[in-house]
Amino acid sequence: MIKWVKKLFYITLAIVLISVCVNMFLGPHNIAAGGITGLAIIAEAMFNFPRSVVILAFNVTILVITFIFLGREIFYNTAIGSMLLPVFIGIIPHEMLITNAMLSMVAGSVIFGIAVAILYHNKASSGGTAIPPLIMQKYLKINPAVGLFMTDGVVVILSLFVFSVDAFFYAIFSIFITSATMRYLESGMNKKKMVYIISEMSQSILRDVLYEIGRGVTIVPTIGGYSESERQMLMVTLDRKDYGQLLDIVNQHDENAFMITDTVSDVHGRGFTYESGSV
């Protein structure tokens, strides 16, 4: 029950963010950046249909199609967000918070990316054009990213015939910013440093890393290709904030130490995704 309530909270939060983005950042400047929300902005401008009504009608249709072609699991994950979105689109005021179209587009796209990332993390969806790509993948073997690009592309191209050329290009930029925000939240916020160290003072470096930084060290036996001599290579994975301290430790013991540093997107295990009482 606690997990379900927590999931419902995050889904609701994401839907609220999407609604704020559409009604206060993108919609007031006629930026139809793909998806059902973009289609609703276009329909409102062309036929004066309320956005919430357009989204509700489209999402109900999509839910029926989802149940038929994709099964119950995806249907249940989509149903909550699909029904909440038109509600909050109708509740949240349609006001222009930022008068500058470019700034409003950037801010709204970032918010949209955060919201969609929250939905994906909770295996949920706001419905709309996120479902057709899944159907294309299942029956036509089309990559979901390509399918989403195709469905959003239709909406963006349609906006070119309804709004100005400026709004068309703003919509394209919005899609790129939203995608970049989602990718960053998926992998960029948890980046770590992985460092390989070969030194004559490896034992001293190992000891200080263990007890001063508090990170585990893996000892990897190596053989030099030229000298054919056996050495110990230390492999350390640590937070970016600790990297400077590691450099100080290595330089303190051996200024000629050989180091290779790489940035990794995600790390799971003891000391990173859960804590342990020992190093």
Protein backbone atom coordinates (compact mmCIF):
# COMPACT_ATOMS: atom_id res chain seq x y z
CA MET A 1 0.00 0.00 0.00
CA ILE A 2 2.83 2.41 0.89
CA LYS A 3 4.58 1.74 -2.42
CA TRP A 4 1.32 2.26 -4.31
CA VAL A 5 0.61 5.59 -2.55
CA LYS A 6 4.19 6.74 -3.19
CA LYS A 7 3.92 5.82 -6.86
CA LEU A 8 0.58 7.62 -7.15
CA PHE A 9 2.11 10.73 -5.56
CA TYR A 10 4.98 10.85 -8.07
CA ILE A 11 2.68 10.21 -11.02
CA THR A 12 0.38 13.02 -9.86
CA LEU A 13 3.36 15.35 -9.36
CA ALA A 14 4.59 14.60 -12.87
CA ILE A 15 1.15 15.23 -14.38
CA VAL A 16 0.89 18.55 -12.52
CA LEU A 17 4.30 19.59 -13.89
CA ILE A 18 3.26 18.67 -17.43
CA SER A 19 0.04 20.65 -17.04
CA VAL A 20 1.89 23.71 -15.73
CA CYS A 21 4.34 23.43 -18.62
CA VAL A 22 1.57 23.26 -21.23
CA ASN A 23 -0.75 25.91 -19.77
CA MET A 24 1.84 28.45 -18.58
CA PHE A 25 4.99 27.98 -20.68
CA LEU A 26 4.36 26.35 -24.07
CA GLY A 27 0.66 26.91 -24.77
CA PRO A 28 0.64 30.72 -24.36
CA HIS A 29 3.30 30.98 -27.10
CA ASN A 30 1.63 28.40 -29.40
CA ILE A 31 4.51 25.95 -29.04
CA ALA A 32 3.12 22.52 -29.96
CA ALA A 33 6.13 20.35 -29.11
CA GLY A 34 4.67 17.00 -30.11
CA GLY A 35 2.54 14.65 -28.08
CA ILE A 36 -1.12 14.85 -27.21
CA THR A 37 -0.55 18.16 -25.41
CA GLY A 38 0.84 19.66 -28.62
CA LEU A 39 -2.11 18.31 -30.54
CA ALA A 40 -4.46 19.85 -27.97
CA ILE A 41 -2.78 23.25 -28.37
CA ILE A 42 -3.28 23.02 -32.15
CA ALA A 43 -6.92 21.88 -31.83
CA GLU A 44 -7.67 24.74 -29.45
CA ALA A 45 -6.26 27.27 -31.91
CA MET A 46 -8.02 25.78 -34.94
CA PHE A 47 -11.44 24.82 -33.55
CA ASN A 48 -11.53 26.51 -30.14
CA PHE A 49 -11.84 23.11 -28.45
CA PRO A 50 -10.73 23.13 -24.77
CA ARG A 51 -7.37 21.41 -24.34
CA SER A 52 -8.66 19.22 -21.55
CA VAL A 53 -11.51 17.88 -23.74
CA VAL A 54 -9.16 17.07 -26.62
CA ILE A 55 -6.74 15.27 -24.31
CA LEU A 56 -9.52 13.34 -22.59
CA ALA A 57 -11.06 12.17 -25.86
CA PHE A 58 -7.72 11.17 -27.31
CA ASN A 59 -6.52 9.40 -24.15
CA VAL A 60 -9.73 7.41 -23.76
CA THR A 61 -9.30 6.18 -27.33
CA ILE A 62 -5.63 5.40 -26.68
CA LEU A 63 -6.53 3.46 -23.52
CA VAL A 64 -8.94 1.24 -25.45
CA ILE A 65 -6.28 0.62 -28.11
CA THR A 66 -3.69 -0.08 -25.40
CA PHE A 67 -5.88 -2.67 -23.73
CA ILE A 68 -6.53 -4.42 -27.06
CA PHE A 69 -3.02 -4.39 -28.53
CA LEU A 70 -0.62 -4.13 -25.57
CA GLY A 71 -2.36 -5.94 -22.73
CA ARG A 72 -3.44 -5.19 -19.19
CA GLU A 73 -0.08 -4.33 -17.59
CA ILE A 74 0.68 -1.39 -19.88
CA PHE A 75 -3.00 -0.42 -19.76
CA TYR A 76 -2.92 -0.10 -15.95
CA ASN A 77 0.38 1.82 -16.02
CA THR A 78 -1.07 4.23 -18.57
CA ALA A 79 -4.58 4.64 -17.16
CA ILE A 80 -3.74 6.76 -14.10
CA GLY A 81 -1.69 9.38 -15.93
CA SER A 82 -4.05 9.42 -18.91
CA MET A 83 -7.04 10.28 -16.73
CA LEU A 84 -5.20 12.74 -14.47
CA LEU A 85 -3.74 14.79 -17.33
CA PRO A 86 -7.01 16.27 -18.71
CA VAL A 87 -8.15 16.99 -15.15
CA PHE A 88 -5.13 19.10 -14.29
CA ILE A 89 -4.99 20.67 -17.76
CA GLY A 90 -8.54 21.89 -17.06
CA ILE A 91 -7.79 23.03 -13.49
CA ILE A 92 -4.48 24.87 -13.90
CA PRO A 93 -4.93 28.44 -15.24
CA HIS A 94 -3.95 29.28 -18.82
CA GLU A 95 -1.58 32.13 -18.08
CA MET A 96 1.65 33.40 -19.61
CA LEU A 97 4.30 33.38 -16.88
CA ILE A 98 7.20 34.40 -19.15
CA THR A 99 6.59 36.85 -21.98
CA ASN A 100 9.81 36.00 -23.84
CA ALA A 101 8.98 33.04 -26.10
CA MET A 102 12.52 31.60 -26.18
CA LEU A 103 12.95 31.71 -22.40
CA SER A 104 9.48 30.29 -21.86
CA MET A 105 10.21 27.45 -24.31
CA VAL A 106 13.47 26.54 -22.57
CA ALA A 107 11.97 26.63 -19.07
CA GLY A 108 8.88 24.71 -20.12
CA SER A 109 10.89 22.06 -21.97
CA VAL A 110 13.11 21.42 -18.95
CA ILE A 111 10.05 21.07 -16.71
CA PHE A 112 8.45 18.75 -19.27
CA GLY A 113 11.59 16.60 -19.37
CA ILE A 114 11.67 16.32 -15.58
CA ALA A 115 8.02 15.32 -15.50
CA VAL A 116 8.34 12.63 -18.19
CA ALA A 117 11.48 11.27 -16.47
CA ILE A 118 9.46 10.91 -13.25
CA LEU A 119 6.74 9.03 -15.14
CA TYR A 120 9.24 6.69 -16.81
CA HIS A 121 10.95 6.03 -13.48
CA ASN A 122 7.60 4.92 -12.07
CA LYS A 123 6.78 2.89 -15.22
CA ALA A 124 3.86 5.17 -15.95
CA SER A 125 2.74 7.36 -18.84
CA SER A 126 0.49 10.29 -19.55
CA GLY A 127 -0.92 8.38 -22.53
CA GLY A 128 -1.12 10.27 -25.80
CA THR A 129 1.55 9.69 -28.44
CA ALA A 130 3.69 7.56 -26.10
CA ILE A 131 1.50 4.52 -26.87
CA PRO A 132 1.56 4.30 -30.72
CA PRO A 133 5.37 3.76 -30.75
CA LEU A 134 4.91 0.75 -28.44
CA ILE A 135 2.35 -0.70 -30.86
CA MET A 136 4.71 -0.04 -33.78
CA GLN A 137 7.46 -1.86 -31.91
CA LYS A 138 5.30 -4.89 -31.16
CA TYR A 139 3.73 -5.37 -34.58
CA LEU A 140 6.03 -3.57 -37.04
CA LYS A 141 9.39 -4.04 -35.21
CA ILE A 142 10.02 -0.28 -35.34
CA ASN A 143 12.29 1.10 -32.63
CA PRO A 144 10.23 3.04 -30.03
CA ALA A 145 12.51 6.08 -30.34
CA VAL A 146 11.90 6.15 -34.09
CA GLY A 147 8.17 5.65 -33.58
CA LEU A 148 8.01 8.49 -31.07
CA PHE A 149 9.96 10.73 -33.44
CA MET A 150 7.45 9.92 -36.19
CA THR A 151 4.35 10.63 -34.10
CA ASP A 152 5.76 13.81 -32.57
CA GLY A 153 7.00 14.86 -35.99
CA VAL A 154 3.46 14.76 -37.39
CA VAL A 155 2.25 17.07 -34.60
CA VAL A 156 5.15 19.51 -35.05
CA ILE A 157 4.71 19.64 -38.84
CA LEU A 158 0.99 20.25 -38.36
CA SER A 159 1.84 23.22 -36.13
CA LEU A 160 3.71 24.78 -39.04
CA PHE A 161 0.41 25.15 -40.92
CA VAL A 162 -1.45 26.54 -37.91
CA PHE A 163 1.07 28.80 -36.19
CA SER A 164 4.08 30.85 -37.25
CA VAL A 165 7.42 29.56 -38.50
CA ASP A 166 8.94 30.77 -35.22
CA ALA A 167 6.54 28.58 -33.24
CA PHE A 168 7.46 25.63 -35.48
CA PHE A 169 11.17 25.95 -34.74
CA TYR A 170 10.49 26.57 -31.06
CA ALA A 171 8.61 23.26 -31.01
CA ILE A 172 11.58 21.45 -32.57
CA PHE A 173 14.00 22.99 -30.05
CA SER A 174 11.62 22.08 -27.25
CA ILE A 175 11.71 18.40 -28.21
CA PHE A 176 15.52 18.39 -28.17
CA ILE A 177 15.70 20.15 -24.80
CA THR A 178 13.12 17.79 -23.29
CA SER A 179 15.06 14.76 -24.56
CA ALA A 180 18.36 16.14 -23.26
CA THR A 181 16.83 16.80 -19.84
CA MET A 182 15.49 13.25 -19.67
CA ARG A 183 18.86 11.75 -20.66
CA TYR A 184 20.66 13.85 -18.06
CA LEU A 185 18.27 12.83 -15.30
CA GLU A 186 18.58 9.21 -16.35
CA SER A 187 22.37 9.01 -16.23
CA GLY A 188 24.04 12.37 -15.76
CA MET A 189 23.13 13.05 -12.13
CA ASN A 190 24.72 9.84 -10.85
CA LYS A 191 28.04 10.01 -12.67
CA LYS A 192 31.09 8.74 -10.84
CA LYS A 193 34.83 8.69 -11.43
CA MET A 194 36.61 5.41 -12.08
CA VAL A 195 40.37 5.68 -11.60
CA TYR A 196 43.10 3.18 -12.46
CA ILE A 197 46.43 3.73 -10.66
CA ILE A 198 49.78 2.01 -11.21
CA SER A 199 52.45 3.05 -8.73
CA GLU A 200 55.42 1.72 -6.78
CA MET A 201 53.64 3.06 -3.69
CA SER A 202 50.36 1.28 -4.34
CA GLN A 203 50.03 -0.09 -0.80
CA SER A 204 50.36 3.37 0.77
CA ILE A 205 47.88 4.84 -1.72
CA LEU A 206 45.48 1.96 -1.08
CA ARG A 207 45.60 2.52 2.68
CA ASP A 208 44.88 6.24 2.45
CA VAL A 209 42.02 5.74 -0.02
CA LEU A 210 40.44 3.19 2.31
CA TYR A 211 40.67 5.22 5.47
CA GLU A 212 40.75 8.89 4.35
CA ILE A 213 38.22 8.81 1.50
CA GLY A 214 36.37 5.74 2.74
CA ARG A 215 36.13 4.02 -0.62
CA GLY A 216 36.89 0.42 -1.50
CA VAL A 217 39.85 -0.41 -3.73
CA THR A 218 40.19 -3.33 -6.11
CA ILE A 219 43.71 -4.71 -6.70
CA VAL A 220 44.24 -5.89 -10.28
CA PRO A 221 47.42 -7.84 -11.15
CA THR A 222 49.05 -6.42 -14.29
CA ILE A 223 52.07 -7.19 -16.47
CA GLY A 224 53.92 -4.42 -18.29
CA GLY A 225 53.98 -4.99 -22.05
CA TYR A 226 57.52 -3.64 -22.47
CA SER A 227 59.22 -4.60 -19.20
CA GLU A 228 57.12 -7.73 -18.64
CA SER A 229 57.30 -6.94 -14.94
CA GLU A 230 54.37 -7.71 -12.65
CA ARG A 231 52.71 -4.81 -10.84
CA GLN A 232 49.56 -4.07 -8.91
CA MET A 233 46.98 -1.76 -10.45
CA LEU A 234 44.47 -0.11 -8.13
CA MET A 235 40.93 0.45 -9.36
CA VAL A 236 38.89 3.01 -7.42
CA THR A 237 35.31 4.16 -8.05
CA LEU A 238 34.31 7.32 -6.19
CA ASP A 239 32.10 10.40 -6.24
CA ARG A 240 33.26 13.36 -8.31
CA LYS A 241 33.60 15.49 -5.18
CA ASP A 242 36.22 13.04 -3.83
CA TYR A 243 38.35 13.04 -6.98
CA GLY A 244 40.48 16.01 -5.91
CA GLN A 245 41.30 14.33 -2.61
CA LEU A 246 42.35 11.17 -4.47
CA LEU A 247 44.73 13.19 -6.66
CA ASP A 248 46.28 14.73 -3.54
CA ILE A 249 46.81 11.29 -2.01
CA VAL A 250 48.43 9.88 -5.16
CA ASN A 251 50.69 12.91 -5.64
CA GLN A 252 51.68 12.82 -1.97
CA HIS A 253 52.99 9.26 -2.28
CA ASP A 254 54.12 9.11 -5.91
CA GLU A 255 54.15 12.07 -8.29
CA ASN A 256 55.16 9.76 -11.14
CA ALA A 257 52.21 7.40 -10.66
CA PHE A 258 50.42 6.36 -13.85
CA MET A 259 46.69 7.17 -13.69
CA ILE A 260 43.75 6.69 -16.03
CA THR A 261 40.48 8.40 -15.13
CA ASP A 262 37.11 7.71 -16.69
CA THR A 263 33.60 9.01 -16.04
CA VAL A 264 30.91 6.37 -15.60
CA SER A 265 27.19 7.03 -15.85
CA ASP A 266 25.92 4.82 -13.07
CA VAL A 267 27.24 2.68 -10.23
CA HIS A 268 25.31 0.11 -8.21
CA GLY A 269 26.34 -1.78 -5.12
CA ARG A 270 27.70 -1.35 -1.63
CA GLY A 271 28.62 2.22 -0.76
CA PHE A 272 26.69 3.69 -3.69
CA THR A 273 23.12 2.38 -4.01
CA TYR A 274 23.05 1.12 -0.41
CA GLU A 275 25.25 1.74 2.58
CA SER A 276 27.41 -0.74 4.45
CA GLY A 277 29.03 -0.59 7.83
CA SER A 278 32.43 -1.68 6.49
CA VAL A 279 34.59 -0.57 3.61
